[in-house]
């Protein structure tokens, strides 16, 4: 599964949607700033732990739980 980390004005979001380009991601998220990916689950968890160490424990638990569910995305900040 490919995941995208999306930075928007007021949030950091991880999406499991398939996108052809960053412009398609931009169209889905108001306040879009940038996006990273597609990445694996392990790559997202490692990236978030490195860039947002305050979320390391939360992300290691919340990403797998989210992937087990059906939602298209998860908001990590705020």
PDB file of N, CA and C in Angstrom:
ATOM      1  N   UNK A   1       0.837  -1.178   0.000  1.00  0.00           N
ATOM      2  CA  UNK A   1       0.000   0.000   0.000  1.00  0.00           C
ATOM      3  C   UNK A   1       0.882   1.240   0.000  1.00  0.00           C
ATOM      4  N   UNK A   2       0.522   2.204  -0.815  1.00  0.00           N
ATOM      5  CA  UNK A   2       1.256   3.458  -0.906  1.00  0.00           C
ATOM      6  C   UNK A   2       0.567   4.529  -0.083  1.00  0.00           C
ATOM      7  N   UNK A   3       1.352   5.238   0.719  1.00  0.00           N
ATOM      8  CA  UNK A   3       0.825   6.292   1.578  1.00  0.00           C
ATOM      9  C   UNK A   3       1.482   7.615   1.223  1.00  0.00           C
ATOM     10  N   UNK A   4       0.727   8.683   1.401  1.00  0.00           N
ATOM     11  CA  UNK A   4       1.234  10.031   1.169  1.00  0.00           C
ATOM     12  C   UNK A   4       1.122  10.832   2.457  1.00  0.00           C
ATOM     13  N   UNK A   5       2.181  11.551   2.819  1.00  0.00           N
ATOM     14  CA  UNK A   5       2.150  12.503   3.924  1.00  0.00           C
ATOM     15  C   UNK A   5       1.841  13.856   3.305  1.00  0.00           C
ATOM     16  N   UNK A   6       0.767  14.483   3.760  1.00  0.00           N
ATOM     17  CA  UNK A   6       0.307  15.749   3.197  1.00  0.00           C
ATOM     18  C   UNK A   6       0.408  16.831   4.266  1.00  0.00           C
ATOM     19  N   UNK A   7       1.123  17.892   3.930  1.00  0.00           N
ATOM     20  CA  UNK A   7       1.187  19.063   4.807  1.00  0.00           C
ATOM     21  C   UNK A   7       0.236  20.109   4.255  1.00  0.00           C
ATOM     22  N   UNK A   8      -0.682  20.542   5.117  1.00  0.00           N
ATOM     23  CA  UNK A   8      -1.617  21.609   4.776  1.00  0.00           C
ATOM     24  C   UNK A   8      -1.444  22.715   5.814  1.00  0.00           C
ATOM     25  N   UNK A   9      -2.108  23.843   5.589  1.00  0.00           N
ATOM     26  CA  UNK A   9      -1.974  24.981   6.498  1.00  0.00           C
ATOM     27  C   UNK A   9      -2.192  24.612   7.952  1.00  0.00           C
ATOM     28  N   UNK A  10      -3.173  23.775   8.218  1.00  0.00           N
ATOM     29  CA  UNK A  10      -3.538  23.520   9.600  1.00  0.00           C
ATOM     30  C   UNK A  10      -3.439  22.052  10.005  1.00  0.00           C
ATOM     31  N   UNK A  11      -2.780  21.213   9.204  1.00  0.00           N
ATOM     32  CA  UNK A  11      -2.746  19.795   9.545  1.00  0.00           C
ATOM     33  C   UNK A  11      -1.621  19.060   8.835  1.00  0.00           C
ATOM     34  N   UNK A  12      -1.255  17.933   9.405  1.00  0.00           N
ATOM     35  CA  UNK A  12      -0.422  16.943   8.735  1.00  0.00           C
ATOM     36  C   UNK A  12      -1.294  15.706   8.619  1.00  0.00           C
ATOM     37  N   UNK A  13      -1.451  15.232   7.405  1.00  0.00           N
ATOM     38  CA  UNK A  13      -2.395  14.168   7.106  1.00  0.00           C
ATOM     39  C   UNK A  13      -1.639  13.050   6.402  1.00  0.00           C
ATOM     40  N   UNK A  14      -2.019  11.814   6.685  1.00  0.00           N
ATOM     41  CA  UNK A  14      -1.510  10.679   5.915  1.00  0.00           C
ATOM     42  C   UNK A  14      -2.704  10.115   5.151  1.00  0.00           C
ATOM     43  N   UNK A  15      -2.518   9.922   3.849  1.00  0.00           N
ATOM     44  CA  UNK A  15      -3.585   9.431   2.994  1.00  0.00           C
ATOM     45  C   UNK A  15      -3.187   8.122   2.335  1.00  0.00           C
ATOM     46  N   UNK A  16      -4.164   7.237   2.199  1.00  0.00           N
ATOM     47  CA  UNK A  16      -3.919   5.993   1.477  1.00  0.00           C
ATOM     48  C   UNK A  16      -4.511   6.038   0.068  1.00  0.00           C
ATOM     49  N   UNK A  17      -5.051   7.162  -0.332  1.00  0.00           N
ATOM     50  CA  UNK A  17      -5.610   7.289  -1.676  1.00  0.00           C
ATOM     51  C   UNK A  17      -4.503   7.189  -2.722  1.00  0.00           C
ATOM     52  N   UNK A  18      -4.861   6.670  -3.877  1.00  0.00           N
ATOM     53  CA  UNK A  18      -3.920   6.608  -4.996  1.00  0.00           C
ATOM     54  C   UNK A  18      -3.983   7.941  -5.746  1.00  0.00           C
ATOM     55  N   UNK A  19      -2.831   8.524  -5.989  1.00  0.00           N
ATOM     56  CA  UNK A  19      -2.768   9.798  -6.702  1.00  0.00           C
ATOM     57  C   UNK A  19      -1.802   9.686  -7.869  1.00  0.00           C
ATOM     58  N   UNK A  20      -2.159  10.326  -8.974  1.00  0.00           N
ATOM     59  CA  UNK A  20      -1.301  10.339 -10.157  1.00  0.00           C
ATOM     60  C   UNK A  20      -0.216  11.404 -10.049  1.00  0.00           C
ATOM     61  N   UNK A  21      -0.483  12.460  -9.272  1.00  0.00           N
ATOM     62  CA  UNK A  21       0.489  13.551  -9.151  1.00  0.00           C
ATOM     63  C   UNK A  21       0.198  14.368  -7.904  1.00  0.00           C
ATOM     64  N   UNK A  22       1.137  15.236  -7.558  1.00  0.00           N
ATOM     65  CA  UNK A  22       0.933  16.107  -6.406  1.00  0.00           C
ATOM     66  C   UNK A  22      -0.205  17.085  -6.649  1.00  0.00           C
ATOM     67  N   UNK A  23      -0.472  17.394  -7.894  1.00  0.00           N
ATOM     68  CA  UNK A  23      -1.578  18.318  -8.194  1.00  0.00           C
ATOM     69  C   UNK A  23      -2.931  17.697  -7.823  1.00  0.00           C
ATOM     70  N   UNK A  24      -3.054  16.395  -7.982  1.00  0.00           N
ATOM     71  CA  UNK A  24      -4.287  15.706  -7.574  1.00  0.00           C
ATOM     72  C   UNK A  24      -4.434  15.745  -6.055  1.00  0.00           C
ATOM     73  N   UNK A  25      -3.330  15.614  -5.343  1.00  0.00           N
ATOM     74  CA  UNK A  25      -3.363  15.712  -3.880  1.00  0.00           C
ATOM     75  C   UNK A  25      -3.760  17.124  -3.477  1.00  0.00           C
ATOM     76  N   UNK A  26      -3.151  18.105  -4.123  1.00  0.00           N
ATOM     77  CA  UNK A  26      -3.450  19.511  -3.839  1.00  0.00           C
ATOM     78  C   UNK A  26      -4.945  19.797  -3.981  1.00  0.00           C
ATOM     79  N   UNK A  27      -5.588  19.206  -4.970  1.00  0.00           N
ATOM     80  CA  UNK A  27      -7.012  19.435  -5.200  1.00  0.00           C
ATOM     81  C   UNK A  27      -7.873  18.864  -4.069  1.00  0.00           C
ATOM     82  N   UNK A  28      -7.385  17.844  -3.378  1.00  0.00           N
ATOM     83  CA  UNK A  28      -8.158  17.208  -2.306  1.00  0.00           C
ATOM     84  C   UNK A  28      -8.040  17.888  -0.944  1.00  0.00           C
ATOM     85  N   UNK A  29      -6.999  18.699  -0.748  1.00  0.00           N
ATOM     86  CA  UNK A  29      -6.734  19.244   0.586  1.00  0.00           C
ATOM     87  C   UNK A  29      -6.620  20.762   0.556  1.00  0.00           C
ATOM     88  N   UNK A  30      -7.630  21.459   1.098  1.00  0.00           N
ATOM     89  CA  UNK A  30      -7.553  22.915   1.192  1.00  0.00           C
ATOM     90  C   UNK A  30      -6.330  23.322   2.022  1.00  0.00           C
ATOM     91  N   UNK A  31      -5.658  24.347   1.610  1.00  0.00           N
ATOM     92  CA  UNK A  31      -4.478  24.805   2.330  1.00  0.00           C
ATOM     93  C   UNK A  31      -3.248  23.954   2.066  1.00  0.00           C
ATOM     94  N   UNK A  32      -3.291  23.133   1.031  1.00  0.00           N
ATOM     95  CA  UNK A  32      -2.172  22.259   0.669  1.00  0.00           C
ATOM     96  C   UNK A  32      -0.872  23.054   0.588  1.00  0.00           C
ATOM     97  N   UNK A  33       0.177  22.506   1.192  1.00  0.00           N
ATOM     98  CA  UNK A  33       1.506  23.111   1.095  1.00  0.00           C
ATOM     99  C   UNK A  33       2.467  22.210   0.335  1.00  0.00           C
ATOM    100  N   UNK A  34       2.530  20.947   0.741  1.00  0.00           N
ATOM    101  CA  UNK A  34       3.400  19.984   0.055  1.00  0.00           C
ATOM    102  C   UNK A  34       2.980  18.574   0.435  1.00  0.00           C
ATOM    103  N   UNK A  35       3.530  17.609  -0.285  1.00  0.00           N
ATOM    104  CA  UNK A  35       3.255  16.211   0.051  1.00  0.00           C
ATOM    105  C   UNK A  35       4.493  15.369  -0.227  1.00  0.00           C
ATOM    106  N   UNK A  36       4.564  14.262   0.468  1.00  0.00           N
ATOM    107  CA  UNK A  36       5.681  13.332   0.342  1.00  0.00           C
ATOM    108  C   UNK A  36       5.122  11.947   0.073  1.00  0.00           C
ATOM    109  N   UNK A  37       5.828  11.180  -0.711  1.00  0.00           N
ATOM    110  CA  UNK A  37       5.396   9.823  -1.002  1.00  0.00           C
ATOM    111  C   UNK A  37       5.216   9.636  -2.492  1.00  0.00           C
ATOM    112  N   UNK A  38       4.757   8.484  -2.878  1.00  0.00           N
ATOM    113  CA  UNK A  38       4.189   7.430  -2.054  1.00  0.00           C
ATOM    114  C   UNK A  38       5.253   6.655  -1.282  1.00  0.00           C
ATOM    115  N   UNK A  39       4.897   6.319  -0.045  1.00  0.00           N
ATOM    116  CA  UNK A  39       5.776   5.595   0.862  1.00  0.00           C
ATOM    117  C   UNK A  39       5.055   4.393   1.454  1.00  0.00           C
ATOM    118  N   UNK A  40       5.844   3.480   1.988  1.00  0.00           N
ATOM    119  CA  UNK A  40       5.289   2.346   2.718  1.00  0.00           C
ATOM    120  C   UNK A  40       4.913   2.790   4.133  1.00  0.00           C
ATOM    121  N   UNK A  41       4.201   1.939   4.838  1.00  0.00           N
ATOM    122  CA  UNK A  41       3.858   2.221   6.235  1.00  0.00           C
ATOM    123  C   UNK A  41       5.116   2.463   7.068  1.00  0.00           C
ATOM    124  N   UNK A  42       6.113   1.608   6.907  1.00  0.00           N
ATOM    125  CA  UNK A  42       7.363   1.742   7.679  1.00  0.00           C
ATOM    126  C   UNK A  42       8.065   3.052   7.371  1.00  0.00           C
ATOM    127  N   UNK A  43       8.049   3.465   6.114  1.00  0.00           N
ATOM    128  CA  UNK A  43       8.690   4.728   5.741  1.00  0.00           C
ATOM    129  C   UNK A  43       7.968   5.919   6.357  1.00  0.00           C
ATOM    130  N   UNK A  44       6.647   5.882   6.393  1.00  0.00           N
ATOM    131  CA  UNK A  44       5.876   6.978   7.000  1.00  0.00           C
ATOM    132  C   UNK A  44       6.154   7.049   8.496  1.00  0.00           C
ATOM    133  N   UNK A  45       6.136   5.908   9.172  1.00  0.00           N
ATOM    134  CA  UNK A  45       6.377   5.879  10.620  1.00  0.00           C
ATOM    135  C   UNK A  45       7.782   6.400  10.923  1.00  0.00           C
ATOM    136  N   UNK A  46       8.780   5.969  10.147  1.00  0.00           N
ATOM    137  CA  UNK A  46      10.162   6.420  10.359  1.00  0.00           C
ATOM    138  C   UNK A  46      10.302   7.917  10.085  1.00  0.00           C
ATOM    139  N   UNK A  47       9.687   8.402   9.028  1.00  0.00           N
ATOM    140  CA  UNK A  47       9.752   9.824   8.693  1.00  0.00           C
ATOM    141  C   UNK A  47       9.124  10.666   9.802  1.00  0.00           C
ATOM    142  N   UNK A  48       7.917  10.268  10.224  1.00  0.00           N
ATOM    143  CA  UNK A  48       7.229  11.041  11.251  1.00  0.00           C
ATOM    144  C   UNK A  48       8.013  11.024  12.559  1.00  0.00           C
ATOM    145  N   UNK A  49       8.622   9.908  12.902  1.00  0.00           N
ATOM    146  CA  UNK A  49       9.426   9.832  14.127  1.00  0.00           C
ATOM    147  C   UNK A  49      10.636  10.746  14.042  1.00  0.00           C
ATOM    148  N   UNK A  50      11.213  10.872  12.856  1.00  0.00           N
ATOM    149  CA  UNK A  50      12.376  11.743  12.681  1.00  0.00           C
ATOM    150  C   UNK A  50      12.024  13.213  12.615  1.00  0.00           C
ATOM    151  N   UNK A  51      10.959  13.545  11.906  1.00  0.00           N
ATOM    152  CA  UNK A  51      10.568  14.944  11.712  1.00  0.00           C
ATOM    153  C   UNK A  51       9.690  15.493  12.831  1.00  0.00           C
ATOM    154  N   UNK A  52       8.958  14.620  13.478  1.00  0.00           N
ATOM    155  CA  UNK A  52       8.036  15.016  14.546  1.00  0.00           C
ATOM    156  C   UNK A  52       8.213  14.051  15.718  1.00  0.00           C
ATOM    157  N   UNK A  53       9.363  14.105  16.394  1.00  0.00           N
ATOM    158  CA  UNK A  53       9.648  13.133  17.458  1.00  0.00           C
ATOM    159  C   UNK A  53       8.599  13.118  18.575  1.00  0.00           C
ATOM    160  N   UNK A  54       7.901  14.215  18.763  1.00  0.00           N
ATOM    161  CA  UNK A  54       6.858  14.263  19.789  1.00  0.00           C
ATOM    162  C   UNK A  54       5.695  13.328  19.446  1.00  0.00           C
ATOM    163  N   UNK A  55       5.618  12.895  18.188  1.00  0.00           N
ATOM    164  CA  UNK A  55       4.548  12.002  17.750  1.00  0.00           C
ATOM    165  C   UNK A  55       4.993  10.557  17.569  1.00  0.00           C
ATOM    166  N   UNK A  56       6.257  10.268  17.809  1.00  0.00           N
ATOM    167  CA  UNK A  56       6.825   8.947  17.488  1.00  0.00           C
ATOM    168  C   UNK A  56       5.999   7.803  18.072  1.00  0.00           C
ATOM    169  N   UNK A  57       5.692   7.855  19.340  1.00  0.00           N
ATOM    170  CA  UNK A  57       4.922   6.782  19.969  1.00  0.00           C
ATOM    171  C   UNK A  57       3.501   6.719  19.450  1.00  0.00           C
ATOM    172  N   UNK A  58       2.888   7.860  19.274  1.00  0.00           N
ATOM    173  CA  UNK A  58       1.516   7.926  18.786  1.00  0.00           C
ATOM    174  C   UNK A  58       1.412   7.384  17.370  1.00  0.00           C
ATOM    175  N   UNK A  59       2.334   7.789  16.510  1.00  0.00           N
ATOM    176  CA  UNK A  59       2.306   7.366  15.110  1.00  0.00           C
ATOM    177  C   UNK A  59       2.538   5.864  14.983  1.00  0.00           C
ATOM    178  N   UNK A  60       3.436   5.322  15.785  1.00  0.00           N
ATOM    179  CA  UNK A  60       3.736   3.889  15.722  1.00  0.00           C
ATOM    180  C   UNK A  60       2.511   3.045  16.049  1.00  0.00           C
ATOM    181  N   UNK A  61       1.583   3.608  16.817  1.00  0.00           N
ATOM    182  CA  UNK A  61       0.352   2.894  17.173  1.00  0.00           C
ATOM    183  C   UNK A  61      -0.806   3.290  16.254  1.00  0.00           C
ATOM    184  N   UNK A  62      -0.930   4.584  15.967  1.00  0.00           N
ATOM    185  CA  UNK A  62      -2.102   5.059  15.231  1.00  0.00           C
ATOM    186  C   UNK A  62      -2.092   4.700  13.748  1.00  0.00           C
ATOM    187  N   UNK A  63      -0.937   4.675  13.112  1.00  0.00           N
ATOM    188  CA  UNK A  63      -0.886   4.336  11.684  1.00  0.00           C
ATOM    189  C   UNK A  63      -1.359   2.899  11.445  1.00  0.00           C
ATOM    190  N   UNK A  64      -0.816   1.885  12.145  1.00  0.00           N
ATOM    191  CA  UNK A  64      -1.319   0.523  11.927  1.00  0.00           C
ATOM    192  C   UNK A  64      -2.814   0.378  12.249  1.00  0.00           C
ATOM    193  N   UNK A  65      -3.272   1.032  13.299  1.00  0.00           N
ATOM    194  CA  UNK A  65      -4.697   0.960  13.658  1.00  0.00           C
ATOM    195  C   UNK A  65      -5.553   1.587  12.559  1.00  0.00           C
ATOM    196  N   UNK A  66      -5.114   2.719  12.040  1.00  0.00           N
ATOM    197  CA  UNK A  66      -5.833   3.383  10.956  1.00  0.00           C
ATOM    198  C   UNK A  66      -5.855   2.509   9.706  1.00  0.00           C
ATOM    199  N   UNK A  67      -4.734   1.904   9.357  1.00  0.00           N
ATOM    200  CA  UNK A  67      -4.672   1.058   8.166  1.00  0.00           C
ATOM    201  C   UNK A  67      -5.588  -0.158   8.279  1.00  0.00           C
ATOM    202  N   UNK A  68      -5.831  -0.617   9.480  1.00  0.00           N
ATOM    203  CA  UNK A  68      -6.728  -1.747   9.695  1.00  0.00           C
ATOM    204  C   UNK A  68      -8.194  -1.346   9.498  1.00  0.00           C
ATOM    205  N   UNK A  69      -8.474  -0.053   9.572  1.00  0.00           N
ATOM    206  CA  UNK A  69      -9.828   0.453   9.378  1.00  0.00           C
ATOM    207  C   UNK A  69     -10.075   0.824   7.927  1.00  0.00           C
ATOM    208  N   UNK A  70     -11.138   1.563   7.699  1.00  0.00           N
ATOM    209  CA  UNK A  70     -11.519   1.877   6.326  1.00  0.00           C
ATOM    210  C   UNK A  70     -11.359   3.314   5.895  1.00  0.00           C
ATOM    211  N   UNK A  71     -10.915   4.194   6.796  1.00  0.00           N
ATOM    212  CA  UNK A  71     -10.811   5.619   6.451  1.00  0.00           C
ATOM    213  C   UNK A  71      -9.710   5.859   5.419  1.00  0.00           C
ATOM    214  N   UNK A  72      -9.937   6.849   4.563  1.00  0.00           N
ATOM    215  CA  UNK A  72      -8.955   7.190   3.527  1.00  0.00           C
ATOM    216  C   UNK A  72      -7.745   7.920   4.083  1.00  0.00           C
ATOM    217  N   UNK A  73      -7.939   8.679   5.178  1.00  0.00           N
ATOM    218  CA  UNK A  73      -6.814   9.445   5.703  1.00  0.00           C
ATOM    219  C   UNK A  73      -6.891   9.560   7.224  1.00  0.00           C
ATOM    220  N   UNK A  74      -5.768   9.979   7.782  1.00  0.00           N
ATOM    221  CA  UNK A  74      -5.678  10.200   9.222  1.00  0.00           C
ATOM    222  C   UNK A  74      -4.972  11.534   9.447  1.00  0.00           C
ATOM    223  N   UNK A  75      -5.525  12.339  10.335  1.00  0.00           N
ATOM    224  CA  UNK A  75      -4.903  13.615  10.697  1.00  0.00           C
ATOM    225  C   UNK A  75      -3.965  13.388  11.873  1.00  0.00           C
ATOM    226  N   UNK A  76      -2.696  13.709  11.685  1.00  0.00           N
ATOM    227  CA  UNK A  76      -1.729  13.519  12.748  1.00  0.00           C
ATOM    228  C   UNK A  76      -1.477  14.792  13.537  1.00  0.00           C
ATOM    229  N   UNK A  77      -1.528  15.911  12.907  1.00  0.00           N
ATOM    230  CA  UNK A  77      -1.382  17.211  13.563  1.00  0.00           C
ATOM    231  C   UNK A  77      -2.439  18.134  13.026  1.00  0.00           C
ATOM    232  N   UNK A  78      -2.952  18.961  13.738  1.00  0.00           N
ATOM    233  CA  UNK A  78      -3.657  18.801  14.994  1.00  0.00           C
ATOM    234  C   UNK A  78      -4.861  17.955  14.837  1.00  0.00           C
TER     235      UNK A  78
END
